[in-house]
Amino acid sequence: MKLTAQQFEQLALEQLDTLYRVARRLTRNAAEAEDLVQETCLKALAARDSFDLQEFGIRPWLLKILQNIHISKTRREGRQPVTVEEEHLDVAGGTQTTTSGLPTDLSAFEGMDDQLVQAVRALPPDYQAVLLMWAVEEMSYKEIAFALDIPIGTVMSRLHRARQRLGQQLRSYAIRDGIIRE
């Protein structure tokens, strides 16, 4: 079903909060998340004529655009030289001790337990994307498949593997902390 410009904009605007939440989880930075959402909206508006309203709405289509922009940007930035902050040099040199090498910005995960955050961040990016879209955004397998441009079977297997790895990681934390016995 083709939409008028006004209908399209209304549907897209309703998804801004979802786009920002997903972008925030992907980038772990508020400013980068805002930029990612803005780029997504610009691309979506430019491609409005090619959008055809499907049974599951505009959200998966917008998330697909967001994911593609993020992947492109990450690949592009990965090829660029990186400056190392002095505090990171201190950690690498052993002058400062930390409990983990992971960023401690828990606001990106809205206050989840630190070990759960670490376990989710330890997942491969493909597994993370599927898990977060399913668990946090409450998307269906079909919506996730469309958003990530992968078959539904791949969504199911990635979600299964993500849950397994998450369970194993959390179990090892519980054993280490003496909550459960081996």
C-alpha atoms as a PDB file:
ATOM      1  CA  MET A   1       0.000   0.000   0.000  1.00  0.00           C
ATOM      2  CA  LYS A   2       1.459   3.357  -1.043  1.00  0.00           C
ATOM      3  CA  LEU A   3       1.250   6.211   1.448  1.00  0.00           C
ATOM      4  CA  THR A   4       0.893   9.937   1.043  1.00  0.00           C
ATOM      5  CA  ALA A   5       3.804  12.095   2.193  1.00  0.00           C
ATOM      6  CA  GLN A   6       1.852  13.086   5.316  1.00  0.00           C
ATOM      7  CA  GLN A   7       0.954   9.476   6.210  1.00  0.00           C
ATOM      8  CA  PHE A   8       4.557   8.398   5.684  1.00  0.00           C
ATOM      9  CA  GLU A   9       5.920  11.190   7.900  1.00  0.00           C
ATOM     10  CA  GLN A  10       3.392  10.415  10.627  1.00  0.00           C
ATOM     11  CA  LEU A  11       4.318   6.710  10.672  1.00  0.00           C
ATOM     12  CA  ALA A  12       8.040   7.528  10.622  1.00  0.00           C
ATOM     13  CA  LEU A  13       7.766  10.065  13.449  1.00  0.00           C
ATOM     14  CA  GLU A  14       6.007   7.489  15.624  1.00  0.00           C
ATOM     15  CA  GLN A  15       9.152   5.323  15.408  1.00  0.00           C
ATOM     16  CA  LEU A  16      11.711   7.964  16.477  1.00  0.00           C
ATOM     17  CA  ASP A  17      11.925   6.694  20.059  1.00  0.00           C
ATOM     18  CA  THR A  18      12.504   3.124  18.879  1.00  0.00           C
ATOM     19  CA  LEU A  19      15.126   4.261  16.378  1.00  0.00           C
ATOM     20  CA  TYR A  20      16.926   6.235  19.065  1.00  0.00           C
ATOM     21  CA  ARG A  21      16.887   3.324  21.560  1.00  0.00           C
ATOM     22  CA  VAL A  22      18.340   0.943  18.973  1.00  0.00           C
ATOM     23  CA  ALA A  23      20.887   3.525  17.804  1.00  0.00           C
ATOM     24  CA  ARG A  24      21.906   4.215  21.407  1.00  0.00           C
ATOM     25  CA  ARG A  25      22.530   0.517  22.002  1.00  0.00           C
ATOM     26  CA  LEU A  26      24.490   0.203  18.779  1.00  0.00           C
ATOM     27  CA  THR A  27      26.676   3.268  19.280  1.00  0.00           C
ATOM     28  CA  ARG A  28      26.765   3.505  23.093  1.00  0.00           C
ATOM     29  CA  ASN A  29      26.961   7.271  22.621  1.00  0.00           C
ATOM     30  CA  ALA A  30      24.076   9.755  22.714  1.00  0.00           C
ATOM     31  CA  ALA A  31      25.457  12.160  20.109  1.00  0.00           C
ATOM     32  CA  GLU A  32      26.351   9.362  17.680  1.00  0.00           C
ATOM     33  CA  ALA A  33      22.905   7.820  18.206  1.00  0.00           C
ATOM     34  CA  GLU A  34      21.229  11.134  17.374  1.00  0.00           C
ATOM     35  CA  ASP A  35      23.341  11.432  14.216  1.00  0.00           C
ATOM     36  CA  LEU A  36      22.472   7.867  13.232  1.00  0.00           C
ATOM     37  CA  VAL A  37      18.734   8.518  13.698  1.00  0.00           C
ATOM     38  CA  GLN A  38      18.983  11.748  11.701  1.00  0.00           C
ATOM     39  CA  GLU A  39      20.778   9.988   8.826  1.00  0.00           C
ATOM     40  CA  THR A  40      18.175   7.225   8.948  1.00  0.00           C
ATOM     41  CA  CYS A  41      15.335   9.736   8.686  1.00  0.00           C
ATOM     42  CA  LEU A  42      17.015  11.517   5.783  1.00  0.00           C
ATOM     43  CA  LYS A  43      17.540   8.262   3.875  1.00  0.00           C
ATOM     44  CA  ALA A  44      13.993   7.145   4.637  1.00  0.00           C
ATOM     45  CA  LEU A  45      12.535  10.410   3.357  1.00  0.00           C
ATOM     46  CA  ALA A  46      14.658  10.185   0.236  1.00  0.00           C
ATOM     47  CA  ALA A  47      13.424   6.624  -0.372  1.00  0.00           C
ATOM     48  CA  ARG A  48       9.802   7.312   0.600  1.00  0.00           C
ATOM     49  CA  ASP A  49       8.492   6.603  -2.900  1.00  0.00           C
ATOM     50  CA  SER A  50       9.962   3.093  -2.860  1.00  0.00           C
ATOM     51  CA  PHE A  51       8.373   2.245   0.509  1.00  0.00           C
ATOM     52  CA  ASP A  52       5.402  -0.084   0.377  1.00  0.00           C
ATOM     53  CA  LEU A  53       3.514  -0.531   3.651  1.00  0.00           C
ATOM     54  CA  GLN A  54       3.719  -4.194   4.585  1.00  0.00           C
ATOM     55  CA  GLU A  55       1.768  -6.160   7.159  1.00  0.00           C
ATOM     56  CA  PHE A  56       4.276  -5.354   9.929  1.00  0.00           C
ATOM     57  CA  GLY A  57       4.506  -1.611   9.313  1.00  0.00           C
ATOM     58  CA  ILE A  58       7.310   0.852   8.853  1.00  0.00           C
ATOM     59  CA  ARG A  59       9.441  -0.037  11.903  1.00  0.00           C
ATOM     60  CA  PRO A  60      11.408  -2.941  10.360  1.00  0.00           C
ATOM     61  CA  TRP A  61      12.070  -0.901   7.215  1.00  0.00           C
ATOM     62  CA  LEU A  62      13.429   2.023   9.256  1.00  0.00           C
ATOM     63  CA  LEU A  63      15.511  -0.293  11.444  1.00  0.00           C
ATOM     64  CA  LYS A  64      16.958  -1.900   8.330  1.00  0.00           C
ATOM     65  CA  ILE A  65      18.059   1.514   7.093  1.00  0.00           C
ATOM     66  CA  LEU A  66      19.498   2.356  10.525  1.00  0.00           C
ATOM     67  CA  GLN A  67      21.379  -0.952  10.712  1.00  0.00           C
ATOM     68  CA  ASN A  68      22.815  -0.520   7.202  1.00  0.00           C
ATOM     69  CA  ILE A  69      23.996   3.020   7.953  1.00  0.00           C
ATOM     70  CA  HIS A  70      25.573   1.865  11.218  1.00  0.00           C
ATOM     71  CA  ILE A  71      27.373  -1.041   9.525  1.00  0.00           C
ATOM     72  CA  SER A  72      28.668   1.203   6.739  1.00  0.00           C
ATOM     73  CA  LYS A  73      29.848   3.830   9.200  1.00  0.00           C
ATOM     74  CA  THR A  74      31.507   1.244  11.459  1.00  0.00           C
ATOM     75  CA  ARG A  75      33.369  -0.318   8.533  1.00  0.00           C
ATOM     76  CA  ARG A  76      34.463   3.087   7.288  1.00  0.00           C
ATOM     77  CA  GLU A  77      35.654   4.158  10.750  1.00  0.00           C
ATOM     78  CA  GLY A  78      37.400   0.818  11.242  1.00  0.00           C
ATOM     79  CA  ARG A  79      39.694   1.655   8.372  1.00  0.00           C
ATOM     80  CA  GLN A  80      40.649   5.001   9.910  1.00  0.00           C
ATOM     81  CA  PRO A  81      43.601   5.510  12.285  1.00  0.00           C
ATOM     82  CA  VAL A  82      42.563   5.709  15.921  1.00  0.00           C
ATOM     83  CA  THR A  83      43.959   8.055  18.546  1.00  0.00           C
ATOM     84  CA  VAL A  84      44.557   6.557  21.958  1.00  0.00           C
ATOM     85  CA  GLU A  85      43.594   8.570  24.995  1.00  0.00           C
ATOM     86  CA  GLU A  86      46.120   8.881  27.824  1.00  0.00           C
ATOM     87  CA  GLU A  87      43.830   7.104  30.298  1.00  0.00           C
ATOM     88  CA  HIS A  88      43.655   4.084  27.975  1.00  0.00           C
ATOM     89  CA  LEU A  89      47.429   4.052  27.768  1.00  0.00           C
ATOM     90  CA  ASP A  90      47.592   4.003  31.571  1.00  0.00           C
ATOM     91  CA  VAL A  91      45.236   1.014  31.686  1.00  0.00           C
ATOM     92  CA  ALA A  92      47.207  -0.795  28.994  1.00  0.00           C
ATOM     93  CA  GLY A  93      50.449  -0.070  30.851  1.00  0.00           C
ATOM     94  CA  GLY A  94      49.071  -1.523  34.051  1.00  0.00           C
ATOM     95  CA  THR A  95      49.094   1.714  36.078  1.00  0.00           C
ATOM     96  CA  GLN A  96      45.359   1.642  36.600  1.00  0.00           C
ATOM     97  CA  THR A  97      43.315  -1.424  37.513  1.00  0.00           C
ATOM     98  CA  THR A  98      39.814  -2.041  36.240  1.00  0.00           C
ATOM     99  CA  THR A  99      37.464  -4.965  36.680  1.00  0.00           C
ATOM    100  CA  SER A 100      36.940  -5.274  32.941  1.00  0.00           C
ATOM    101  CA  GLY A 101      38.117  -3.765  29.708  1.00  0.00           C
ATOM    102  CA  LEU A 102      34.557  -2.850  28.779  1.00  0.00           C
ATOM    103  CA  PRO A 103      33.064   0.619  28.856  1.00  0.00           C
ATOM    104  CA  THR A 104      30.966   1.184  31.962  1.00  0.00           C
ATOM    105  CA  ASP A 105      28.239   3.295  30.355  1.00  0.00           C
ATOM    106  CA  LEU A 106      25.301   1.391  31.814  1.00  0.00           C
ATOM    107  CA  SER A 107      22.822   4.080  30.793  1.00  0.00           C
ATOM    108  CA  ALA A 108      22.996   2.573  27.300  1.00  0.00           C
ATOM    109  CA  PHE A 109      21.360  -0.524  28.738  1.00  0.00           C
ATOM    110  CA  GLU A 110      19.000   1.422  30.985  1.00  0.00           C
ATOM    111  CA  GLY A 111      20.413   0.243  34.311  1.00  0.00           C
ATOM    112  CA  MET A 112      20.776  -3.492  33.657  1.00  0.00           C
ATOM    113  CA  ASP A 113      23.042  -5.390  35.968  1.00  0.00           C
ATOM    114  CA  ASP A 114      26.726  -4.887  35.075  1.00  0.00           C
ATOM    115  CA  GLN A 115      27.346  -8.577  34.477  1.00  0.00           C
ATOM    116  CA  LEU A 116      24.380  -8.854  32.152  1.00  0.00           C
ATOM    117  CA  VAL A 117      25.633  -5.807  30.249  1.00  0.00           C
ATOM    118  CA  GLN A 118      29.078  -7.403  29.962  1.00  0.00           C
ATOM    119  CA  ALA A 119      27.575 -10.690  28.794  1.00  0.00           C
ATOM    120  CA  VAL A 120      25.445  -8.983  26.122  1.00  0.00           C
ATOM    121  CA  ARG A 121      28.394  -6.881  24.939  1.00  0.00           C
ATOM    122  CA  ALA A 122      30.517 -10.032  24.694  1.00  0.00           C
ATOM    123  CA  LEU A 123      28.114 -11.488  22.120  1.00  0.00           C
ATOM    124  CA  PRO A 124      29.049 -11.170  18.449  1.00  0.00           C
ATOM    125  CA  PRO A 125      27.362  -8.117  16.859  1.00  0.00           C
ATOM    126  CA  ASP A 126      25.029 -10.287  14.743  1.00  0.00           C
ATOM    127  CA  TYR A 127      23.772 -12.080  17.842  1.00  0.00           C
ATOM    128  CA  GLN A 128      23.483  -8.807  19.783  1.00  0.00           C
ATOM    129  CA  ALA A 129      21.340  -7.190  17.098  1.00  0.00           C
ATOM    130  CA  VAL A 130      18.884 -10.086  16.936  1.00  0.00           C
ATOM    131  CA  LEU A 131      18.715 -10.488  20.731  1.00  0.00           C
ATOM    132  CA  LEU A 132      18.113  -6.792  21.405  1.00  0.00           C
ATOM    133  CA  MET A 133      15.506  -6.431  18.657  1.00  0.00           C
ATOM    134  CA  TRP A 134      13.665  -9.464  19.986  1.00  0.00           C
ATOM    135  CA  ALA A 135      14.004  -8.918  23.754  1.00  0.00           C
ATOM    136  CA  VAL A 136      14.030  -5.140  24.074  1.00  0.00           C
ATOM    137  CA  GLU A 137      12.141  -3.915  21.024  1.00  0.00           C
ATOM    138  CA  GLU A 138       9.763  -6.917  21.113  1.00  0.00           C
ATOM    139  CA  MET A 139       9.976  -7.418  17.364  1.00  0.00           C
ATOM    140  CA  SER A 140       8.706 -10.578  15.714  1.00  0.00           C
ATOM    141  CA  TYR A 141      11.059 -12.956  13.898  1.00  0.00           C
ATOM    142  CA  LYS A 142       9.575 -11.733  10.628  1.00  0.00           C
ATOM    143  CA  GLU A 143      10.237  -8.073  11.497  1.00  0.00           C
ATOM    144  CA  ILE A 144      13.809  -8.840  12.572  1.00  0.00           C
ATOM    145  CA  ALA A 145      14.430 -10.823   9.395  1.00  0.00           C
ATOM    146  CA  PHE A 146      13.210  -7.925   7.302  1.00  0.00           C
ATOM    147  CA  ALA A 147      15.137  -5.306   9.314  1.00  0.00           C
ATOM    148  CA  LEU A 148      18.426  -7.214   9.104  1.00  0.00           C
ATOM    149  CA  ASP A 149      17.800  -8.605   5.615  1.00  0.00           C
ATOM    150  CA  ILE A 150      18.341 -12.207   6.687  1.00  0.00           C
ATOM    151  CA  PRO A 151      16.136 -15.323   6.508  1.00  0.00           C
ATOM    152  CA  ILE A 152      13.811 -16.092   9.425  1.00  0.00           C
ATOM    153  CA  GLY A 153      15.743 -19.321  10.056  1.00  0.00           C
ATOM    154  CA  THR A 154      18.902 -17.269  10.552  1.00  0.00           C
ATOM    155  CA  VAL A 155      17.056 -15.027  13.020  1.00  0.00           C
ATOM    156  CA  MET A 156      15.944 -18.092  14.957  1.00  0.00           C
ATOM    157  CA  SER A 157      19.388 -19.703  15.024  1.00  0.00           C
ATOM    158  CA  ARG A 158      21.152 -16.445  16.008  1.00  0.00           C
ATOM    159  CA  LEU A 159      18.647 -15.862  18.770  1.00  0.00           C
ATOM    160  CA  HIS A 160      19.077 -19.432  20.012  1.00  0.00           C
ATOM    161  CA  ARG A 161      22.876 -19.124  19.984  1.00  0.00           C
ATOM    162  CA  ALA A 162      22.740 -15.709  21.647  1.00  0.00           C
ATOM    163  CA  ARG A 163      20.587 -17.107  24.452  1.00  0.00           C
ATOM    164  CA  GLN A 164      22.928 -20.077  24.875  1.00  0.00           C
ATOM    165  CA  ARG A 165      26.035 -17.902  25.050  1.00  0.00           C
ATOM    166  CA  LEU A 166      24.337 -15.444  27.374  1.00  0.00           C
ATOM    167  CA  GLY A 167      23.269 -18.278  29.658  1.00  0.00           C
ATOM    168  CA  GLN A 168      26.772 -19.773  29.703  1.00  0.00           C
ATOM    169  CA  GLN A 169      28.360 -16.421  30.433  1.00  0.00           C
ATOM    170  CA  LEU A 170      25.920 -15.587  33.229  1.00  0.00           C
ATOM    171  CA  ARG A 171      26.373 -19.062  34.686  1.00  0.00           C
ATOM    172  CA  SER A 172      30.141 -18.566  34.790  1.00  0.00           C
ATOM    173  CA  TYR A 173      29.628 -15.208  36.556  1.00  0.00           C
ATOM    174  CA  ALA A 174      27.321 -16.898  39.090  1.00  0.00           C
ATOM    175  CA  ILE A 175      29.841 -19.683  39.722  1.00  0.00           C
ATOM    176  CA  ARG A 176      32.689 -17.187  40.067  1.00  0.00           C
ATOM    177  CA  ASP A 177      30.681 -15.080  42.523  1.00  0.00           C
ATOM    178  CA  GLY A 178      29.630 -18.129  44.560  1.00  0.00           C
ATOM    179  CA  ILE A 179      25.930 -17.742  43.776  1.00  0.00           C
ATOM    180  CA  ILE A 180      25.742 -21.285  42.390  1.00  0.00           C
ATOM    181  CA  ARG A 181      28.050 -24.267  42.558  1.00  0.00           C
ATOM    182  CA  GLU A 182      29.513 -26.054  39.590  1.00  0.00           C
END
